[in-house]
Amino acid sequence: MSVDYLSQYNRDGFIPCVGVLDKFETQRLQENFDELEREAGKKASQYSFHNIHVKHQWVLQVATHPNLLKPIREILGPNIILLDSRFICKYPDTEMCSDGQDSAFVAWHQDMKYWGIEGRVVTAWLAVDDADVENGCMIVIPGTHQNGLVEHEDCTVGGNLLSSNQSIPIQLVDVKLAQPCPVKAGQMSIHDGLLIHGSEPNTSSRRRCGFVIRYVATSARPIQDPQRPRTFPSTVLVSGINDHKNLEDNKPDWFQCTL
């Protein structure tokens, strides 16, 4: 039975548990990330692997996997730019807090607060490891993408993994509606750039790593903001044609868009 991704996305602002990688592909992804982790160390591996899809062929192969792009194409249309990617790794509190770090969490936020893009931004959260409530899976507030951008402020609690250290004031978040979004390794969830979401600390003994990829239609445009100038040096055309040319196709020489 086919899934109506677009209707579910428009209604809820997120889609959970979409199968992407088979068992072999998932194992290969884990092995590749483990190698990065060994080279960089756990502290750097939490949030430092940013836009490495233009450097590592295996990363861009995952970000352009046909099973991943199928629902993204249903939501955004055939012409798609990969805007940004990042591995986000949350280690057990028992490991990281012993080194004097605060418990790592992701504050309530909306992605669109930071991207400087006019147009819909769709995020795929691909699980490198199983992500569940115990190890700090993503938590969403369904339907909040329909309410527009809300106020953000500086987060006053240590451990927020967001590089901007922003958070939505708690009085603006109806936590009674919060819904965990667990995913198995090799699965992804998809969420809208305006959906309010976050995640709790990892209280398990297991790593929780996800590969987060942002996609936009080629019609999306950068917002010119002299107060916060942005550049997009790692955008790659991953589906269709770059008909609007609002964002450059910075594809590596070894990559060929085939969709």
C-alpha atoms as a PDB file:
ATOM      1  CA  MET A   1       0.000   0.000   0.000  1.00  0.00           C
ATOM      2  CA  SER A   2       1.445   3.367  -1.000  1.00  0.00           C
ATOM      3  CA  VAL A   3       1.968   6.068   1.591  1.00  0.00           C
ATOM      4  CA  ASP A   4       0.612   9.577   1.039  1.00  0.00           C
ATOM      5  CA  TYR A   5       3.676  11.365   2.367  1.00  0.00           C
ATOM      6  CA  LEU A   6       2.554  14.845   1.320  1.00  0.00           C
ATOM      7  CA  SER A   7      -0.824  14.726   3.116  1.00  0.00           C
ATOM      8  CA  GLN A   8       0.752  13.406   6.315  1.00  0.00           C
ATOM      9  CA  TYR A   9       3.535  15.992   6.121  1.00  0.00           C
ATOM     10  CA  ASN A  10       1.123  18.876   5.557  1.00  0.00           C
ATOM     11  CA  ARG A  11      -1.101  17.744   8.428  1.00  0.00           C
ATOM     12  CA  ASP A  12       1.454  16.827  11.094  1.00  0.00           C
ATOM     13  CA  GLY A  13       4.673  18.518   9.963  1.00  0.00           C
ATOM     14  CA  PHE A  14       6.601  15.259  10.347  1.00  0.00           C
ATOM     15  CA  ILE A  15       6.680  11.669   9.124  1.00  0.00           C
ATOM     16  CA  PRO A  16       8.166   8.961  11.393  1.00  0.00           C
ATOM     17  CA  CYS A  17       9.836   5.626  10.651  1.00  0.00           C
ATOM     18  CA  VAL A  18      10.492   5.790   6.915  1.00  0.00           C
ATOM     19  CA  GLY A  19      12.646   2.871   5.788  1.00  0.00           C
ATOM     20  CA  VAL A  20      15.771   3.954   3.869  1.00  0.00           C
ATOM     21  CA  LEU A  21      18.726   1.578   4.246  1.00  0.00           C
ATOM     22  CA  ASP A  22      18.818  -2.196   4.267  1.00  0.00           C
ATOM     23  CA  LYS A  23      20.777  -4.160   6.869  1.00  0.00           C
ATOM     24  CA  PHE A  24      24.009  -4.160   4.853  1.00  0.00           C
ATOM     25  CA  GLU A  25      23.799  -0.442   4.009  1.00  0.00           C
ATOM     26  CA  THR A  26      23.083   0.418   7.646  1.00  0.00           C
ATOM     27  CA  GLN A  27      26.096  -1.567   8.825  1.00  0.00           C
ATOM     28  CA  ARG A  28      28.303   0.182   6.276  1.00  0.00           C
ATOM     29  CA  LEU A  29      27.031   3.602   7.430  1.00  0.00           C
ATOM     30  CA  GLN A  30      27.813   2.718  11.037  1.00  0.00           C
ATOM     31  CA  GLU A  31      31.293   1.509  10.132  1.00  0.00           C
ATOM     32  CA  ASN A  32      32.037   4.681   8.180  1.00  0.00           C
ATOM     33  CA  PHE A  33      30.863   6.896  11.036  1.00  0.00           C
ATOM     34  CA  ASP A  34      32.788   4.825  13.573  1.00  0.00           C
ATOM     35  CA  GLU A  35      35.949   5.541  11.595  1.00  0.00           C
ATOM     36  CA  LEU A  36      35.255   9.289  11.686  1.00  0.00           C
ATOM     37  CA  GLU A  37      34.620   9.040  15.416  1.00  0.00           C
ATOM     38  CA  ARG A  38      37.896   7.205  16.056  1.00  0.00           C
ATOM     39  CA  GLU A  39      39.846   9.850  14.143  1.00  0.00           C
ATOM     40  CA  ALA A  40      38.176  12.898  15.712  1.00  0.00           C
ATOM     41  CA  GLY A  41      37.248  11.683  19.201  1.00  0.00           C
ATOM     42  CA  LYS A  42      33.835  11.668  20.835  1.00  0.00           C
ATOM     43  CA  LYS A  43      33.742  15.311  21.883  1.00  0.00           C
ATOM     44  CA  ALA A  44      34.316  16.533  18.319  1.00  0.00           C
ATOM     45  CA  SER A  45      31.976  13.887  16.922  1.00  0.00           C
ATOM     46  CA  GLN A  46      28.990  15.338  18.771  1.00  0.00           C
ATOM     47  CA  TYR A  47      28.397  18.214  16.344  1.00  0.00           C
ATOM     48  CA  SER A  48      31.485  18.928  14.248  1.00  0.00           C
ATOM     49  CA  PHE A  49      30.863  16.838  11.114  1.00  0.00           C
ATOM     50  CA  HIS A  50      29.159  19.587   9.140  1.00  0.00           C
ATOM     51  CA  ASN A  51      28.612  19.463   5.356  1.00  0.00           C
ATOM     52  CA  ILE A  52      31.105  16.664   4.902  1.00  0.00           C
ATOM     53  CA  HIS A  53      28.916  15.361   2.065  1.00  0.00           C
ATOM     54  CA  VAL A  54      31.092  17.408  -0.314  1.00  0.00           C
ATOM     55  CA  LYS A  55      34.219  15.686   0.989  1.00  0.00           C
ATOM     56  CA  HIS A  56      33.240  12.062   1.620  1.00  0.00           C
ATOM     57  CA  GLN A  57      31.616  10.123  -1.192  1.00  0.00           C
ATOM     58  CA  TRP A  58      29.833   7.708   1.154  1.00  0.00           C
ATOM     59  CA  VAL A  59      28.088  10.607   2.906  1.00  0.00           C
ATOM     60  CA  LEU A  60      26.628  12.045  -0.299  1.00  0.00           C
ATOM     61  CA  GLN A  61      25.642   8.547  -1.426  1.00  0.00           C
ATOM     62  CA  VAL A  62      23.543   8.204   1.709  1.00  0.00           C
ATOM     63  CA  ALA A  63      22.038  11.697   1.292  1.00  0.00           C
ATOM     64  CA  THR A  64      20.971  10.824  -2.263  1.00  0.00           C
ATOM     65  CA  HIS A  65      19.743   7.288  -1.618  1.00  0.00           C
ATOM     66  CA  PRO A  66      16.606   6.665  -3.745  1.00  0.00           C
ATOM     67  CA  ASN A  67      14.590   5.521  -0.716  1.00  0.00           C
ATOM     68  CA  LEU A  68      15.466   8.763   1.062  1.00  0.00           C
ATOM     69  CA  LEU A  69      14.729  11.077  -1.846  1.00  0.00           C
ATOM     70  CA  LYS A  70      11.413   9.454  -2.820  1.00  0.00           C
ATOM     71  CA  PRO A  71       9.333  11.090  -0.034  1.00  0.00           C
ATOM     72  CA  ILE A  72      11.372  14.284  -0.261  1.00  0.00           C
ATOM     73  CA  ARG A  73      10.440  14.539  -3.956  1.00  0.00           C
ATOM     74  CA  GLU A  74       6.778  13.977  -3.107  1.00  0.00           C
ATOM     75  CA  ILE A  75       6.921  16.910  -0.688  1.00  0.00           C
ATOM     76  CA  LEU A  76       9.173  19.347  -2.568  1.00  0.00           C
ATOM     77  CA  GLY A  77       8.748  18.333  -6.200  1.00  0.00           C
ATOM     78  CA  PRO A  78      11.302  16.954  -8.669  1.00  0.00           C
ATOM     79  CA  ASN A  79      13.950  19.711  -8.509  1.00  0.00           C
ATOM     80  CA  ILE A  80      15.785  19.579  -5.190  1.00  0.00           C
ATOM     81  CA  ILE A  81      18.884  21.108  -3.617  1.00  0.00           C
ATOM     82  CA  LEU A  82      20.668  19.568  -0.644  1.00  0.00           C
ATOM     83  CA  LEU A  83      21.080  22.666   1.511  1.00  0.00           C
ATOM     84  CA  ASP A  84      23.078  21.427   4.485  1.00  0.00           C
ATOM     85  CA  SER A  85      24.013  18.291   6.393  1.00  0.00           C
ATOM     86  CA  ARG A  86      25.358  17.410   9.814  1.00  0.00           C
ATOM     87  CA  PHE A  87      25.960  14.360  11.979  1.00  0.00           C
ATOM     88  CA  ILE A  88      24.580  14.887  15.486  1.00  0.00           C
ATOM     89  CA  CYS A  89      25.860  12.419  18.036  1.00  0.00           C
ATOM     90  CA  LYS A  90      24.587  12.240  21.589  1.00  0.00           C
ATOM     91  CA  TYR A  91      26.691  10.070  23.883  1.00  0.00           C
ATOM     92  CA  PRO A  92      25.582   8.591  27.210  1.00  0.00           C
ATOM     93  CA  ASP A  93      25.604  11.093  30.040  1.00  0.00           C
ATOM     94  CA  THR A  94      27.729   8.701  32.061  1.00  0.00           C
ATOM     95  CA  GLU A  95      30.539   9.090  29.501  1.00  0.00           C
ATOM     96  CA  MET A  96      30.457  12.804  28.745  1.00  0.00           C
ATOM     97  CA  CYS A  97      29.485  14.280  32.106  1.00  0.00           C
ATOM     98  CA  SER A  98      32.445  12.561  33.747  1.00  0.00           C
ATOM     99  CA  ASP A  99      34.616  14.896  31.648  1.00  0.00           C
ATOM    100  CA  GLY A 100      32.887  17.938  33.125  1.00  0.00           C
ATOM    101  CA  GLN A 101      30.415  18.472  30.287  1.00  0.00           C
ATOM    102  CA  ASP A 102      26.752  19.277  30.853  1.00  0.00           C
ATOM    103  CA  SER A 103      24.148  16.732  29.814  1.00  0.00           C
ATOM    104  CA  ALA A 104      23.704  17.116  26.048  1.00  0.00           C
ATOM    105  CA  PHE A 105      20.206  17.929  24.813  1.00  0.00           C
ATOM    106  CA  VAL A 106      18.573  19.879  22.003  1.00  0.00           C
ATOM    107  CA  ALA A 107      16.337  22.748  23.137  1.00  0.00           C
ATOM    108  CA  TRP A 108      12.881  23.346  21.699  1.00  0.00           C
ATOM    109  CA  HIS A 109      13.387  25.164  18.403  1.00  0.00           C
ATOM    110  CA  GLN A 110      12.359  25.582  14.776  1.00  0.00           C
ATOM    111  CA  ASP A 111      14.965  25.011  12.066  1.00  0.00           C
ATOM    112  CA  MET A 112      13.723  27.936   9.972  1.00  0.00           C
ATOM    113  CA  LYS A 113      14.909  30.345  12.672  1.00  0.00           C
ATOM    114  CA  TYR A 114      18.495  29.791  11.507  1.00  0.00           C
ATOM    115  CA  TRP A 115      18.521  28.963   7.819  1.00  0.00           C
ATOM    116  CA  GLY A 116      17.899  32.296   6.123  1.00  0.00           C
ATOM    117  CA  ILE A 117      15.878  30.659   3.356  1.00  0.00           C
ATOM    118  CA  GLU A 118      12.621  31.785   1.769  1.00  0.00           C
ATOM    119  CA  GLY A 119      10.756  28.581   0.954  1.00  0.00           C
ATOM    120  CA  ARG A 120      10.026  25.242   2.560  1.00  0.00           C
ATOM    121  CA  VAL A 121      12.963  23.461   4.219  1.00  0.00           C
ATOM    122  CA  VAL A 122      12.506  19.725   4.724  1.00  0.00           C
ATOM    123  CA  THR A 123      14.794  17.865   7.128  1.00  0.00           C
ATOM    124  CA  ALA A 124      15.556  14.154   6.991  1.00  0.00           C
ATOM    125  CA  TRP A 125      16.829  12.691  10.297  1.00  0.00           C
ATOM    126  CA  LEU A 126      18.468   9.404   9.342  1.00  0.00           C
ATOM    127  CA  ALA A 127      19.307   7.109  12.237  1.00  0.00           C
ATOM    128  CA  VAL A 128      22.870   5.812  12.321  1.00  0.00           C
ATOM    129  CA  ASP A 129      22.004   4.108  15.625  1.00  0.00           C
ATOM    130  CA  ASP A 130      18.647   3.117  17.066  1.00  0.00           C
ATOM    131  CA  ALA A 131      17.109   6.239  18.598  1.00  0.00           C
ATOM    132  CA  ASP A 132      14.532   5.851  21.356  1.00  0.00           C
ATOM    133  CA  VAL A 133      13.258   7.703  24.407  1.00  0.00           C
ATOM    134  CA  GLU A 134      15.993   6.298  26.654  1.00  0.00           C
ATOM    135  CA  ASN A 135      18.887   7.541  24.516  1.00  0.00           C
ATOM    136  CA  GLY A 136      17.299  10.872  23.610  1.00  0.00           C
ATOM    137  CA  CYS A 137      15.353  10.517  20.354  1.00  0.00           C
ATOM    138  CA  MET A 138      13.765  13.555  18.755  1.00  0.00           C
ATOM    139  CA  ILE A 139      10.541  14.854  20.320  1.00  0.00           C
ATOM    140  CA  VAL A 140       8.057  16.808  18.196  1.00  0.00           C
ATOM    141  CA  ILE A 141       4.959  18.935  18.728  1.00  0.00           C
ATOM    142  CA  PRO A 142       2.711  17.786  15.850  1.00  0.00           C
ATOM    143  CA  GLY A 143       1.031  20.457  13.764  1.00  0.00           C
ATOM    144  CA  THR A 144       3.092  23.375  15.076  1.00  0.00           C
ATOM    145  CA  HIS A 145       4.534  23.979  11.583  1.00  0.00           C
ATOM    146  CA  GLN A 146       1.181  25.553  10.733  1.00  0.00           C
ATOM    147  CA  ASN A 147       1.624  28.379  13.257  1.00  0.00           C
ATOM    148  CA  GLY A 148       4.574  30.185  11.685  1.00  0.00           C
ATOM    149  CA  LEU A 149       7.837  31.210  13.307  1.00  0.00           C
ATOM    150  CA  VAL A 150       7.709  31.809  17.068  1.00  0.00           C
ATOM    151  CA  GLU A 151       9.991  33.691  19.437  1.00  0.00           C
ATOM    152  CA  HIS A 152      13.396  32.215  20.271  1.00  0.00           C
ATOM    153  CA  GLU A 153      15.750  33.343  23.036  1.00  0.00           C
ATOM    154  CA  ASP A 154      19.180  32.471  24.390  1.00  0.00           C
ATOM    155  CA  CYS A 155      19.098  29.153  26.218  1.00  0.00           C
ATOM    156  CA  THR A 156      20.086  29.502  29.869  1.00  0.00           C
ATOM    157  CA  VAL A 157      20.641  25.775  30.492  1.00  0.00           C
ATOM    158  CA  GLY A 158      24.061  24.293  29.736  1.00  0.00           C
ATOM    159  CA  GLY A 159      24.397  21.408  27.310  1.00  0.00           C
ATOM    160  CA  ASN A 160      22.259  22.679  24.419  1.00  0.00           C
ATOM    161  CA  LEU A 161      23.768  21.155  21.248  1.00  0.00           C
ATOM    162  CA  LEU A 162      22.365  23.892  18.993  1.00  0.00           C
ATOM    163  CA  SER A 163      25.285  25.972  17.763  1.00  0.00           C
ATOM    164  CA  SER A 164      23.200  29.149  18.136  1.00  0.00           C
ATOM    165  CA  ASN A 165      22.295  28.172  21.734  1.00  0.00           C
ATOM    166  CA  GLN A 166      18.730  29.345  21.091  1.00  0.00           C
ATOM    167  CA  SER A 167      15.522  27.919  22.520  1.00  0.00           C
ATOM    168  CA  ILE A 168      11.799  28.649  22.396  1.00  0.00           C
ATOM    169  CA  PRO A 169      10.481  30.005  25.720  1.00  0.00           C
ATOM    170  CA  ILE A 170       8.757  27.134  27.512  1.00  0.00           C
ATOM    171  CA  GLN A 171       5.511  29.087  27.865  1.00  0.00           C
ATOM    172  CA  LEU A 172       5.183  29.004  24.075  1.00  0.00           C
ATOM    173  CA  VAL A 173       5.497  25.196  23.916  1.00  0.00           C
ATOM    174  CA  ASP A 174       2.499  22.985  24.713  1.00  0.00           C
ATOM    175  CA  VAL A 175       4.535  20.102  26.122  1.00  0.00           C
ATOM    176  CA  LYS A 176       1.353  18.077  26.756  1.00  0.00           C
ATOM    177  CA  LEU A 177       1.252  17.500  22.988  1.00  0.00           C
ATOM    178  CA  ALA A 178       4.891  16.380  22.748  1.00  0.00           C
ATOM    179  CA  GLN A 179       5.391  13.119  20.880  1.00  0.00           C
ATOM    180  CA  PRO A 180       8.609  11.058  20.838  1.00  0.00           C
ATOM    181  CA  CYS A 181       9.829  10.101  17.377  1.00  0.00           C
ATOM    182  CA  PRO A 182      11.848   6.882  17.783  1.00  0.00           C
ATOM    183  CA  VAL A 183      13.573   5.402  14.721  1.00  0.00           C
ATOM    184  CA  LYS A 184      15.574   2.259  14.099  1.00  0.00           C
ATOM    185  CA  ALA A 185      19.038   2.432  12.553  1.00  0.00           C
ATOM    186  CA  GLY A 186      18.587   2.783   8.796  1.00  0.00           C
ATOM    187  CA  GLN A 187      15.205   4.482   9.158  1.00  0.00           C
ATOM    188  CA  MET A 188      14.557   8.211   8.978  1.00  0.00           C
ATOM    189  CA  SER A 189      11.997  10.699  10.154  1.00  0.00           C
ATOM    190  CA  ILE A 190      11.151  13.781   8.103  1.00  0.00           C
ATOM    191  CA  HIS A 191      10.128  17.125   9.563  1.00  0.00           C
ATOM    192  CA  ASP A 192       9.242  20.619   8.435  1.00  0.00           C
ATOM    193  CA  GLY A 193      11.461  23.622   9.085  1.00  0.00           C
ATOM    194  CA  LEU A 194       8.706  25.257  11.151  1.00  0.00           C
ATOM    195  CA  LEU A 195       7.922  22.233  13.326  1.00  0.00           C
ATOM    196  CA  ILE A 196       8.755  22.754  17.010  1.00  0.00           C
ATOM    197  CA  HIS A 197      11.021  19.927  18.154  1.00  0.00           C
ATOM    198  CA  GLY A 198      13.933  19.066  20.442  1.00  0.00           C
ATOM    199  CA  SER A 199      15.395  16.120  22.351  1.00  0.00           C
ATOM    200  CA  GLU A 200      16.290  15.086  25.899  1.00  0.00           C
ATOM    201  CA  PRO A 201      19.681  13.882  27.243  1.00  0.00           C
ATOM    202  CA  ASN A 202      20.904  10.352  26.593  1.00  0.00           C
ATOM    203  CA  THR A 203      20.273   8.467  29.838  1.00  0.00           C
ATOM    204  CA  SER A 204      21.124   5.071  28.332  1.00  0.00           C
ATOM    205  CA  SER A 205      24.456   3.310  27.930  1.00  0.00           C
ATOM    206  CA  ARG A 206      24.176   3.563  24.110  1.00  0.00           C
ATOM    207  CA  ARG A 207      25.285   6.166  21.562  1.00  0.00           C
ATOM    208  CA  ARG A 208      22.559   7.997  19.646  1.00  0.00           C
ATOM    209  CA  CYS A 209      23.843   9.242  16.306  1.00  0.00           C
ATOM    210  CA  GLY A 210      21.793  10.724  13.489  1.00  0.00           C
ATOM    211  CA  PHE A 211      22.612  12.125  10.054  1.00  0.00           C
ATOM    212  CA  VAL A 212      20.578  15.304   9.545  1.00  0.00           C
ATOM    213  CA  ILE A 213      20.072  16.502   5.969  1.00  0.00           C
ATOM    214  CA  ARG A 214      18.178  19.633   4.867  1.00  0.00           C
ATOM    215  CA  TYR A 215      16.564  19.836   1.443  1.00  0.00           C
ATOM    216  CA  VAL A 216      14.860  22.677  -0.432  1.00  0.00           C
ATOM    217  CA  ALA A 217      13.187  23.030  -3.798  1.00  0.00           C
ATOM    218  CA  THR A 218      15.273  24.856  -6.393  1.00  0.00           C
ATOM    219  CA  SER A 219      12.739  27.712  -6.149  1.00  0.00           C
ATOM    220  CA  ALA A 220      13.883  28.474  -2.566  1.00  0.00           C
ATOM    221  CA  ARG A 221      15.892  31.668  -2.181  1.00  0.00           C
ATOM    222  CA  PRO A 222      18.457  32.913   0.325  1.00  0.00           C
ATOM    223  CA  ILE A 223      17.225  35.807   2.475  1.00  0.00           C
ATOM    224  CA  GLN A 224      19.514  38.804   2.300  1.00  0.00           C
ATOM    225  CA  ASP A 225      20.071  39.895   5.893  1.00  0.00           C
ATOM    226  CA  PRO A 226      22.963  42.322   6.465  1.00  0.00           C
ATOM    227  CA  GLN A 227      22.674  41.704  10.215  1.00  0.00           C
ATOM    228  CA  ARG A 228      23.367  38.007   9.693  1.00  0.00           C
ATOM    229  CA  PRO A 229      24.984  37.354   6.320  1.00  0.00           C
ATOM    230  CA  ARG A 230      24.895  33.698   5.279  1.00  0.00           C
ATOM    231  CA  THR A 231      26.680  31.705   2.641  1.00  0.00           C
ATOM    232  CA  PHE A 232      25.772  28.281   1.277  1.00  0.00           C
ATOM    233  CA  PRO A 233      29.051  26.805   0.004  1.00  0.00           C
ATOM    234  CA  SER A 234      27.952  23.166   0.184  1.00  0.00           C
ATOM    235  CA  THR A 235      24.632  23.141  -1.691  1.00  0.00           C
ATOM    236  CA  VAL A 236      24.311  20.298  -4.191  1.00  0.00           C
ATOM    237  CA  LEU A 237      21.634  19.580  -6.790  1.00  0.00           C
ATOM    238  CA  VAL A 238      20.412  16.070  -5.920  1.00  0.00           C
ATOM    239  CA  SER A 239      17.285  15.749  -8.057  1.00  0.00           C
ATOM    240  CA  GLY A 240      16.066  17.237 -11.335  1.00  0.00           C
ATOM    241  CA  ILE A 241      17.441  20.472 -12.740  1.00  0.00           C
ATOM    242  CA  ASN A 242      18.590  23.704 -11.110  1.00  0.00           C
ATOM    243  CA  ASP A 243      16.000  25.706 -13.008  1.00  0.00           C
ATOM    244  CA  HIS A 244      15.901  28.794 -10.759  1.00  0.00           C
ATOM    245  CA  LYS A 245      19.630  28.955  -9.954  1.00  0.00           C
ATOM    246  CA  ASN A 246      18.932  30.693  -6.636  1.00  0.00           C
ATOM    247  CA  LEU A 247      21.494  28.404  -5.024  1.00  0.00           C
ATOM    248  CA  GLU A 248      24.658  27.125  -6.656  1.00  0.00           C
ATOM    249  CA  ASP A 249      25.320  23.499  -7.421  1.00  0.00           C
ATOM    250  CA  ASN A 250      28.588  22.876  -5.553  1.00  0.00           C
ATOM    251  CA  LYS A 251      28.724  19.198  -6.401  1.00  0.00           C
ATOM    252  CA  PRO A 252      32.046  17.389  -6.089  1.00  0.00           C
ATOM    253  CA  ASP A 253      33.620  16.310  -9.368  1.00  0.00           C
ATOM    254  CA  TRP A 254      32.870  12.668  -8.604  1.00  0.00           C
ATOM    255  CA  PHE A 255      29.108  13.188  -8.093  1.00  0.00           C
ATOM    256  CA  GLN A 256      26.499  12.982 -10.831  1.00  0.00           C
ATOM    257  CA  CYS A 257      22.825  13.807 -10.207  1.00  0.00           C
ATOM    258  CA  THR A 258      20.874  10.928 -11.768  1.00  0.00           C
ATOM    259  CA  LEU A 259      17.274  11.580 -10.664  1.00  0.00           C
END
